[in-house]
Amino acid sequence: MWDRSRAKGLILSAREASVARVCKTKCPKNARERADVHHIQANRLLSRRSFTAAIACLAAVTPVLPAVAQITTTYPQKPVRIFVPYGPGGVGDLTMRILADRLSQDLKQQFVIENRPGAGGIVNMTEVLRARADGYTLGEVGNGQAISMSLFEKLPYNVLTDFAPISITASFEMLLAVPDNSPYKSLSEVVDAARKNAGKITLGAINPGSTQNLSAHLFQQVTGAEYTIVPYRTTPDLVTALLRGDVDLAFDFYAGLTSEVGPGKIRIIATSGEQRNPLLKDTPTAKESGFPDYIVASWNGLVAPAKVPAEIINILDAAVIRALSDQDLKAKALNLGIDASGSTPQQMRDRLAVDVVKWRDVIEKAHIPKQ
């Protein structure tokens, strides 16, 4: 508790002591007595004014301090919604649900998944864009939103400036698969066949403009061979075509293909990451197979509306990092073929910016029309 009388006395005592020291060393005895009275009276007047000003300054700043403390110590005070641009049961949905469960436990409030699939994630991100910047509405983004920046003629937002990155939450590479009875035992054999028979080798992937589809286009651009790229509506449709031998090489994620891996079904001949998949240790990367420029790592992360206070972003980033350090969560994610690792907000922003440029170049070279 601030004792005004005591504080005032301390200020006055300090000033009077200072005046007295000066007079004792520089003034004659009779002059010192007159100076004592004069200086003490003057300094008391100045001290009253200084004290009043100091109290006014303290009164002005005091209401601000609890407001900052409130943000950093009490968030969240109610459930937090996470908008997900995928339907229930997909890899992007499942990984975010695992994370949301851990965040709920850590921050003592429910983190609730709201699925908003469709339109390349535009519907989902528009929900986040329109939300209050209070930290109670978050969105899942990733390379899919980086692709949308070049795939669509006009977006209602700029993914690089209208949202505040929190953390990357998951990374997962592409698997390149062939029918089990395929004559191709390696990625280089597929490419050699395509170079000898232009347009004869088929590449299968879902949804034009999806990460899987653009990964097939990137493969064509990197290898310099000509293929026929066949789009499929869903991953089950793609797997069925692969099992029938309708497609020579398929591109999709671990969770979509591994249930069909085995004798008489399909084989994984390469992965698209920087390193080998820990669940497929005997399968080389495309880089190891002679195609160092073919690296595709899909990823997801969390964002908030752009004007959410930095204190809240930091609370969420720290909570995500803690959650992703949990070995049980990591194991669940790994079973889906996912590396559950976090990042700083700036690292996520940089990753998003790099992917915007990367997929823009692929789209332009493939002459994919904007939607």
Protein backbone atom coordinates (compact mmCIF):
# COMPACT_ATOMS: atom_id res chain seq x y z
CA MET A 1 0.00 0.00 0.00
CA TRP A 2 1.47 3.42 -1.01
CA ASP A 3 1.94 5.64 2.12
CA ARG A 4 1.57 9.20 0.77
CA SER A 5 2.70 10.92 3.98
CA ARG A 6 5.76 8.74 4.33
CA ALA A 7 6.72 9.16 0.69
CA LYS A 8 6.34 12.93 0.91
CA GLY A 9 8.50 13.03 3.99
CA LEU A 10 11.24 11.00 2.33
CA ILE A 11 11.30 13.32 -0.69
CA LEU A 12 11.48 16.43 1.50
CA SER A 13 14.14 14.98 3.78
CA ALA A 14 16.37 14.10 0.83
CA ARG A 15 16.11 17.59 -0.66
CA GLU A 16 16.72 19.33 2.67
CA ALA A 17 19.78 17.20 3.37
CA SER A 18 21.22 18.07 -0.02
CA VAL A 19 20.74 21.84 0.53
CA ALA A 20 22.27 21.63 3.96
CA ARG A 21 25.40 19.88 2.63
CA VAL A 22 25.96 22.56 0.00
CA CYS A 23 25.51 25.46 2.44
CA LYS A 24 27.87 24.00 5.02
CA THR A 25 30.73 23.88 2.53
CA LYS A 26 30.20 27.13 0.58
CA CYS A 27 28.41 29.72 2.78
CA PRO A 28 29.49 31.88 5.79
CA LYS A 29 27.89 30.90 9.11
CA ASN A 30 25.30 33.74 9.25
CA ALA A 31 24.52 33.36 5.54
CA ARG A 32 24.07 29.61 6.00
CA GLU A 33 21.28 30.14 8.51
CA ARG A 34 19.38 32.45 6.13
CA ALA A 35 20.05 30.08 3.21
CA ASP A 36 18.73 27.11 5.19
CA VAL A 37 15.34 28.76 5.59
CA HIS A 38 15.18 30.01 2.00
CA HIS A 39 16.21 26.73 0.36
CA ILE A 40 14.10 24.52 2.54
CA GLN A 41 10.98 26.61 1.85
CA ALA A 42 11.67 26.64 -1.89
CA ASN A 43 12.36 22.93 -2.01
CA ARG A 44 9.24 22.12 -0.03
CA LEU A 45 7.21 23.94 -2.69
CA LEU A 46 9.00 22.10 -5.50
CA SER A 47 8.65 18.80 -3.66
CA ARG A 48 4.89 19.27 -3.29
CA ARG A 49 4.60 19.88 -7.04
CA SER A 50 6.89 16.94 -7.89
CA PHE A 51 5.04 14.65 -5.53
CA THR A 52 1.67 15.63 -7.03
CA ALA A 53 2.99 15.06 -10.56
CA ALA A 54 4.43 11.67 -9.59
CA ILE A 55 1.11 10.57 -8.08
CA ALA A 56 -0.71 11.71 -11.25
CA CYS A 57 1.69 9.67 -13.43
CA LEU A 58 1.19 6.59 -11.28
CA ALA A 59 -2.57 7.00 -11.46
CA ALA A 60 -2.37 7.25 -15.25
CA VAL A 61 -0.35 4.06 -15.78
CA THR A 62 -1.81 1.90 -13.01
CA PRO A 63 -5.00 0.88 -14.93
CA VAL A 64 -2.89 -0.32 -17.88
CA LEU A 65 -0.77 -2.77 -15.94
CA PRO A 66 -3.58 -5.07 -14.74
CA ALA A 67 -4.95 -5.21 -18.32
CA VAL A 68 -1.68 -6.68 -19.65
CA ALA A 69 -1.43 -9.06 -16.71
CA GLN A 70 -5.00 -10.18 -17.30
CA ILE A 71 -4.25 -11.18 -20.90
CA THR A 72 -1.17 -13.18 -19.99
CA THR A 73 -2.53 -14.90 -16.89
CA THR A 74 -6.18 -15.66 -17.56
CA TYR A 75 -6.38 -16.68 -21.23
CA PRO A 76 -8.31 -18.77 -22.12
CA GLN A 77 -11.42 -18.17 -20.04
CA LYS A 78 -13.87 -19.98 -22.34
CA PRO A 79 -13.80 -22.68 -25.06
CA VAL A 80 -11.65 -22.05 -28.14
CA ARG A 81 -12.84 -23.03 -31.62
CA ILE A 82 -10.44 -24.43 -34.22
CA PHE A 83 -11.77 -24.28 -37.79
CA VAL A 84 -10.50 -27.17 -39.93
CA PRO A 85 -10.72 -27.08 -43.75
CA TYR A 86 -11.18 -30.87 -44.05
CA GLY A 87 -14.00 -33.28 -43.38
CA PRO A 88 -14.06 -35.50 -40.29
CA GLY A 89 -11.72 -38.50 -40.41
CA GLY A 90 -9.07 -37.13 -42.76
CA VAL A 91 -5.42 -36.73 -41.82
CA GLY A 92 -5.73 -32.97 -41.30
CA ASP A 93 -8.79 -33.46 -39.12
CA LEU A 94 -7.38 -36.33 -37.06
CA THR A 95 -4.08 -34.62 -36.29
CA MET A 96 -5.84 -31.45 -35.17
CA ARG A 97 -8.22 -33.43 -32.95
CA ILE A 98 -5.27 -35.12 -31.23
CA LEU A 99 -3.68 -31.72 -30.64
CA ALA A 100 -6.95 -30.11 -29.49
CA ASP A 101 -7.34 -32.78 -26.83
CA ARG A 102 -3.88 -32.03 -25.43
CA LEU A 103 -4.45 -28.26 -25.52
CA SER A 104 -7.72 -28.72 -23.62
CA GLN A 105 -5.89 -30.60 -20.88
CA ASP A 106 -3.03 -28.12 -20.72
CA LEU A 107 -4.94 -24.82 -20.81
CA LYS A 108 -7.99 -26.06 -18.85
CA GLN A 109 -10.51 -25.03 -21.51
CA GLN A 110 -12.08 -27.01 -24.34
CA PHE A 111 -10.56 -26.64 -27.80
CA VAL A 112 -13.42 -27.56 -30.13
CA ILE A 113 -12.99 -28.68 -33.76
CA GLU A 114 -15.29 -27.04 -36.34
CA ASN A 115 -15.07 -28.70 -39.77
CA ARG A 116 -15.54 -26.39 -42.77
CA PRO A 117 -14.38 -28.35 -45.85
CA GLY A 118 -14.63 -27.17 -49.45
CA ALA A 119 -13.53 -24.46 -51.88
CA GLY A 120 -9.82 -24.97 -51.28
CA GLY A 121 -10.10 -23.94 -47.64
CA ILE A 122 -11.68 -20.57 -48.47
CA VAL A 123 -14.87 -21.25 -46.47
CA ASN A 124 -12.80 -22.27 -43.46
CA MET A 125 -10.40 -19.35 -43.51
CA THR A 126 -13.22 -16.83 -44.06
CA GLU A 127 -14.69 -17.96 -40.73
CA VAL A 128 -11.40 -17.16 -39.01
CA LEU A 129 -11.01 -13.88 -40.89
CA ARG A 130 -14.40 -12.62 -39.68
CA ALA A 131 -13.89 -13.66 -36.06
CA ARG A 132 -13.04 -11.30 -33.23
CA ALA A 133 -9.30 -10.97 -32.63
CA ASP A 134 -9.54 -12.29 -29.08
CA GLY A 135 -7.84 -15.67 -29.43
CA TYR A 136 -11.03 -17.73 -29.18
CA THR A 137 -11.22 -18.53 -32.91
CA LEU A 138 -8.29 -20.29 -34.57
CA GLY A 139 -7.81 -21.91 -37.97
CA GLU A 140 -5.84 -24.78 -39.42
CA VAL A 141 -3.74 -23.82 -42.42
CA GLY A 142 -0.91 -25.37 -44.39
CA ASN A 143 0.48 -25.78 -47.86
CA GLY A 144 -3.10 -26.12 -49.11
CA GLN A 145 -3.69 -22.45 -48.33
CA ALA A 146 -0.33 -21.59 -49.93
CA ILE A 147 -1.58 -23.31 -53.09
CA SER A 148 -4.88 -21.40 -52.97
CA MET A 149 -2.99 -18.11 -53.24
CA SER A 150 -2.12 -18.99 -56.87
CA LEU A 151 -4.94 -21.37 -57.73
CA PHE A 152 -7.81 -18.93 -57.24
CA GLU A 153 -8.40 -15.75 -59.22
CA LYS A 154 -9.51 -13.83 -56.15
CA LEU A 155 -9.49 -14.64 -52.45
CA PRO A 156 -11.28 -12.72 -49.68
CA TYR A 157 -8.01 -12.68 -47.72
CA ASN A 158 -4.24 -12.79 -48.00
CA VAL A 159 -2.99 -15.79 -46.08
CA LEU A 160 0.36 -14.08 -45.44
CA THR A 161 -1.00 -10.85 -43.93
CA ASP A 162 -4.55 -11.43 -42.65
CA PHE A 163 -3.64 -14.12 -40.13
CA ALA A 164 -1.18 -14.44 -37.25
CA PRO A 165 0.83 -17.68 -37.35
CA ILE A 166 1.04 -19.62 -34.10
CA SER A 167 2.93 -22.84 -34.85
CA ILE A 168 3.38 -25.61 -37.38
CA THR A 169 1.72 -28.69 -35.90
CA ALA A 170 2.33 -31.58 -38.34
CA SER A 171 4.39 -32.53 -41.39
CA PHE A 172 3.88 -35.48 -43.73
CA GLU A 173 5.36 -36.45 -47.05
CA MET A 174 3.92 -38.00 -50.17
CA LEU A 175 4.12 -41.73 -50.92
CA LEU A 176 4.69 -42.86 -54.52
CA ALA A 177 3.00 -46.20 -55.11
CA VAL A 178 2.66 -48.78 -57.90
CA PRO A 179 0.51 -51.91 -58.23
CA ASP A 180 2.24 -54.89 -56.64
CA ASN A 181 2.46 -56.63 -60.05
CA SER A 182 3.98 -53.56 -61.72
CA PRO A 183 7.20 -54.15 -63.68
CA TYR A 184 8.69 -51.04 -62.09
CA LYS A 185 10.76 -51.74 -59.02
CA SER A 186 12.15 -48.24 -58.52
CA LEU A 187 11.34 -44.63 -59.29
CA SER A 188 14.14 -44.41 -61.84
CA GLU A 189 12.59 -47.32 -63.80
CA VAL A 190 9.28 -45.44 -64.00
CA VAL A 191 11.06 -42.32 -65.27
CA ASP A 192 13.10 -44.29 -67.82
CA ALA A 193 9.91 -45.84 -69.19
CA ALA A 194 8.26 -42.41 -69.45
CA ARG A 195 11.23 -41.00 -71.33
CA LYS A 196 11.06 -43.85 -73.84
CA ASN A 197 7.27 -43.73 -74.20
CA ALA A 198 6.12 -40.10 -73.97
CA GLY A 199 2.64 -39.78 -72.47
CA LYS A 200 2.20 -43.54 -71.95
CA ILE A 201 2.95 -43.69 -68.23
CA THR A 202 0.01 -42.54 -66.08
CA LEU A 203 0.28 -40.64 -62.83
CA GLY A 204 -2.73 -40.75 -60.53
CA ALA A 205 -3.69 -38.24 -57.82
CA ILE A 206 -6.85 -36.78 -56.35
CA ASN A 207 -8.51 -33.41 -57.04
CA PRO A 208 -6.87 -31.05 -59.51
CA GLY A 209 -5.14 -28.34 -57.48
CA SER A 210 -4.68 -30.51 -54.40
CA THR A 211 -1.22 -31.08 -52.91
CA GLN A 212 -1.30 -34.63 -54.27
CA ASN A 213 -2.22 -33.49 -57.77
CA LEU A 214 0.37 -30.72 -57.85
CA SER A 215 2.95 -33.19 -56.54
CA ALA A 216 2.37 -35.23 -59.69
CA HIS A 217 2.82 -32.11 -61.83
CA LEU A 218 6.01 -31.26 -59.93
CA PHE A 219 7.27 -34.80 -60.56
CA GLN A 220 6.73 -34.33 -64.29
CA GLN A 221 8.56 -31.00 -64.24
CA VAL A 222 11.49 -32.31 -62.19
CA THR A 223 12.04 -35.51 -64.19
CA GLY A 224 11.65 -33.84 -67.59
CA ALA A 225 9.55 -36.71 -68.93
CA GLU A 226 6.03 -36.59 -70.34
CA TYR A 227 3.25 -38.39 -68.47
CA THR A 228 -0.52 -38.51 -68.52
CA ILE A 229 -1.84 -37.16 -65.21
CA VAL A 230 -5.18 -38.69 -64.26
CA PRO A 231 -7.28 -36.95 -61.56
CA TYR A 232 -9.47 -38.94 -59.17
CA ARG A 233 -12.23 -37.63 -56.95
CA THR A 234 -11.18 -39.34 -53.70
CA THR A 235 -8.31 -41.39 -52.30
CA PRO A 236 -10.43 -44.60 -52.28
CA ASP A 237 -11.11 -44.04 -56.00
CA LEU A 238 -7.37 -43.66 -56.60
CA VAL A 239 -6.54 -46.80 -54.60
CA THR A 240 -9.15 -48.80 -56.53
CA ALA A 241 -7.64 -47.65 -59.83
CA LEU A 242 -4.17 -48.56 -58.62
CA LEU A 243 -5.28 -52.06 -57.55
CA ARG A 244 -6.87 -52.58 -60.98
CA GLY A 245 -3.71 -51.44 -62.72
CA ASP A 246 -5.44 -48.42 -64.30
CA VAL A 247 -2.66 -46.12 -63.12
CA ASP A 248 1.10 -46.70 -63.17
CA LEU A 249 2.19 -44.44 -60.32
CA ALA A 250 0.01 -42.93 -57.58
CA PHE A 251 0.67 -39.98 -55.28
CA ASP A 252 -0.97 -39.78 -51.86
CA PHE A 253 -0.29 -39.61 -48.14
CA TYR A 254 0.63 -42.44 -45.79
CA ALA A 255 -2.78 -42.69 -44.13
CA GLY A 256 -4.52 -43.04 -47.49
CA LEU A 257 -2.34 -45.82 -48.92
CA THR A 258 -0.78 -48.00 -46.23
CA SER A 259 -3.86 -50.10 -45.51
CA GLU A 260 -3.53 -51.50 -49.03
CA VAL A 261 0.22 -52.11 -48.95
CA GLY A 262 1.12 -55.79 -49.26
CA PRO A 263 1.39 -58.79 -51.58
CA GLY A 264 -1.13 -58.64 -54.41
CA LYS A 265 -2.02 -55.06 -53.57
CA ILE A 266 0.32 -52.09 -53.85
CA ARG A 267 4.00 -51.27 -53.28
CA ILE A 268 5.57 -48.01 -52.12
CA ILE A 269 8.66 -47.37 -54.26
CA ALA A 270 9.61 -43.93 -52.92
CA THR A 271 8.71 -41.16 -50.50
CA SER A 272 8.97 -37.42 -51.10
CA GLY A 273 10.52 -36.14 -47.87
CA GLU A 274 14.01 -34.97 -47.03
CA GLN A 275 14.57 -38.09 -44.92
CA ARG A 276 13.22 -41.63 -45.01
CA ASN A 277 9.89 -42.20 -43.33
CA PRO A 278 10.53 -43.95 -39.97
CA LEU A 279 7.62 -46.30 -40.72
CA LEU A 280 9.06 -47.16 -44.14
CA LYS A 281 12.77 -47.42 -43.37
CA ASP A 282 13.48 -49.67 -46.36
CA THR A 283 11.85 -47.29 -48.83
CA PRO A 284 14.17 -44.69 -50.39
CA THR A 285 13.29 -41.06 -50.85
CA ALA A 286 12.94 -39.60 -54.35
CA LYS A 287 16.10 -37.67 -53.53
CA GLU A 288 17.97 -40.92 -52.89
CA SER A 289 16.48 -42.36 -56.08
CA GLY A 290 18.24 -39.77 -58.22
CA PHE A 291 15.77 -36.86 -58.13
CA PRO A 292 17.14 -34.38 -55.56
CA ASP A 293 14.76 -31.60 -56.61
CA TYR A 294 11.69 -33.66 -55.91
CA ILE A 295 10.90 -32.87 -52.27
CA VAL A 296 7.32 -32.49 -51.13
CA ALA A 297 6.46 -32.13 -47.48
CA SER A 298 2.87 -31.27 -46.74
CA TRP A 299 2.18 -29.61 -43.40
CA ASN A 300 -0.47 -28.09 -41.18
CA GLY A 301 -0.38 -25.38 -38.55
CA LEU A 302 -2.47 -23.03 -36.45
CA VAL A 303 -3.26 -19.36 -37.08
CA ALA A 304 -5.39 -16.69 -35.46
CA PRO A 305 -6.87 -13.45 -36.83
CA ALA A 306 -4.08 -10.98 -37.55
CA LYS A 307 -4.81 -8.58 -34.68
CA VAL A 308 -4.83 -11.10 -31.85
CA PRO A 309 -2.48 -9.75 -29.12
CA ALA A 310 1.06 -11.10 -29.17
CA GLU A 311 0.67 -12.26 -25.55
CA ILE A 312 -2.09 -14.68 -26.59
CA ILE A 313 -0.12 -15.91 -29.61
CA ASN A 314 2.81 -16.67 -27.30
CA ILE A 315 0.60 -18.54 -24.84
CA LEU A 316 -0.80 -20.68 -27.64
CA ASP A 317 2.59 -21.31 -29.26
CA ALA A 318 4.07 -22.45 -25.94
CA ALA A 319 1.07 -24.72 -25.31
CA VAL A 320 1.36 -26.27 -28.80
CA ILE A 321 5.09 -26.93 -28.29
CA ARG A 322 4.35 -28.61 -24.95
CA ALA A 323 1.59 -30.70 -26.49
CA LEU A 324 3.74 -31.83 -29.41
CA SER A 325 6.49 -32.86 -27.00
CA ASP A 326 4.20 -35.46 -25.47
CA GLN A 327 5.41 -38.92 -26.46
CA ASP A 328 1.92 -40.42 -26.52
CA LEU A 329 0.74 -37.72 -28.95
CA LYS A 330 3.84 -38.22 -31.09
CA ALA A 331 3.17 -41.96 -31.25
CA LYS A 332 -0.45 -41.46 -32.30
CA ALA A 333 0.62 -39.03 -35.01
CA LEU A 334 3.38 -41.33 -36.24
CA ASN A 335 0.86 -44.14 -36.72
CA LEU A 336 -0.78 -41.82 -39.27
CA GLY A 337 2.56 -41.19 -40.96
CA ILE A 338 2.87 -37.74 -39.42
CA ASP A 339 5.79 -35.96 -37.79
CA ALA A 340 4.20 -33.95 -34.97
CA SER A 341 6.69 -31.11 -34.46
CA GLY A 342 6.10 -27.45 -33.67
CA SER A 343 7.74 -24.17 -34.62
CA THR A 344 7.92 -20.52 -33.70
CA PRO A 345 5.35 -18.16 -35.26
CA GLN A 346 8.09 -16.67 -37.46
CA GLN A 347 9.24 -20.08 -38.70
CA MET A 348 5.67 -20.88 -39.68
CA ARG A 349 5.32 -17.52 -41.46
CA ASP A 350 8.54 -18.19 -43.40
CA ARG A 351 7.43 -21.72 -44.35
CA LEU A 352 4.11 -20.41 -45.64
CA ALA A 353 5.83 -17.73 -47.73
CA VAL A 354 8.23 -20.26 -49.28
CA ASP A 355 5.37 -22.60 -50.20
CA VAL A 356 3.36 -19.80 -51.79
CA VAL A 357 6.23 -19.24 -54.23
CA LYS A 358 6.96 -22.95 -54.75
CA TRP A 359 3.41 -23.94 -55.70
CA ARG A 360 2.83 -20.77 -57.71
CA ASP A 361 5.73 -21.81 -59.96
CA VAL A 362 4.36 -25.37 -60.32
CA ILE A 363 0.89 -24.09 -61.20
CA GLU A 364 2.22 -21.63 -63.78
CA LYS A 365 4.51 -24.20 -65.46
CA ALA A 366 1.68 -26.74 -65.58
CA HIS A 367 -0.63 -24.11 -67.15
CA ILE A 368 -3.33 -24.89 -64.62
CA PRO A 369 -6.11 -22.29 -65.09
CA LYS A 370 -7.12 -20.23 -62.10
CA GLN A 371 -10.49 -20.95 -60.57
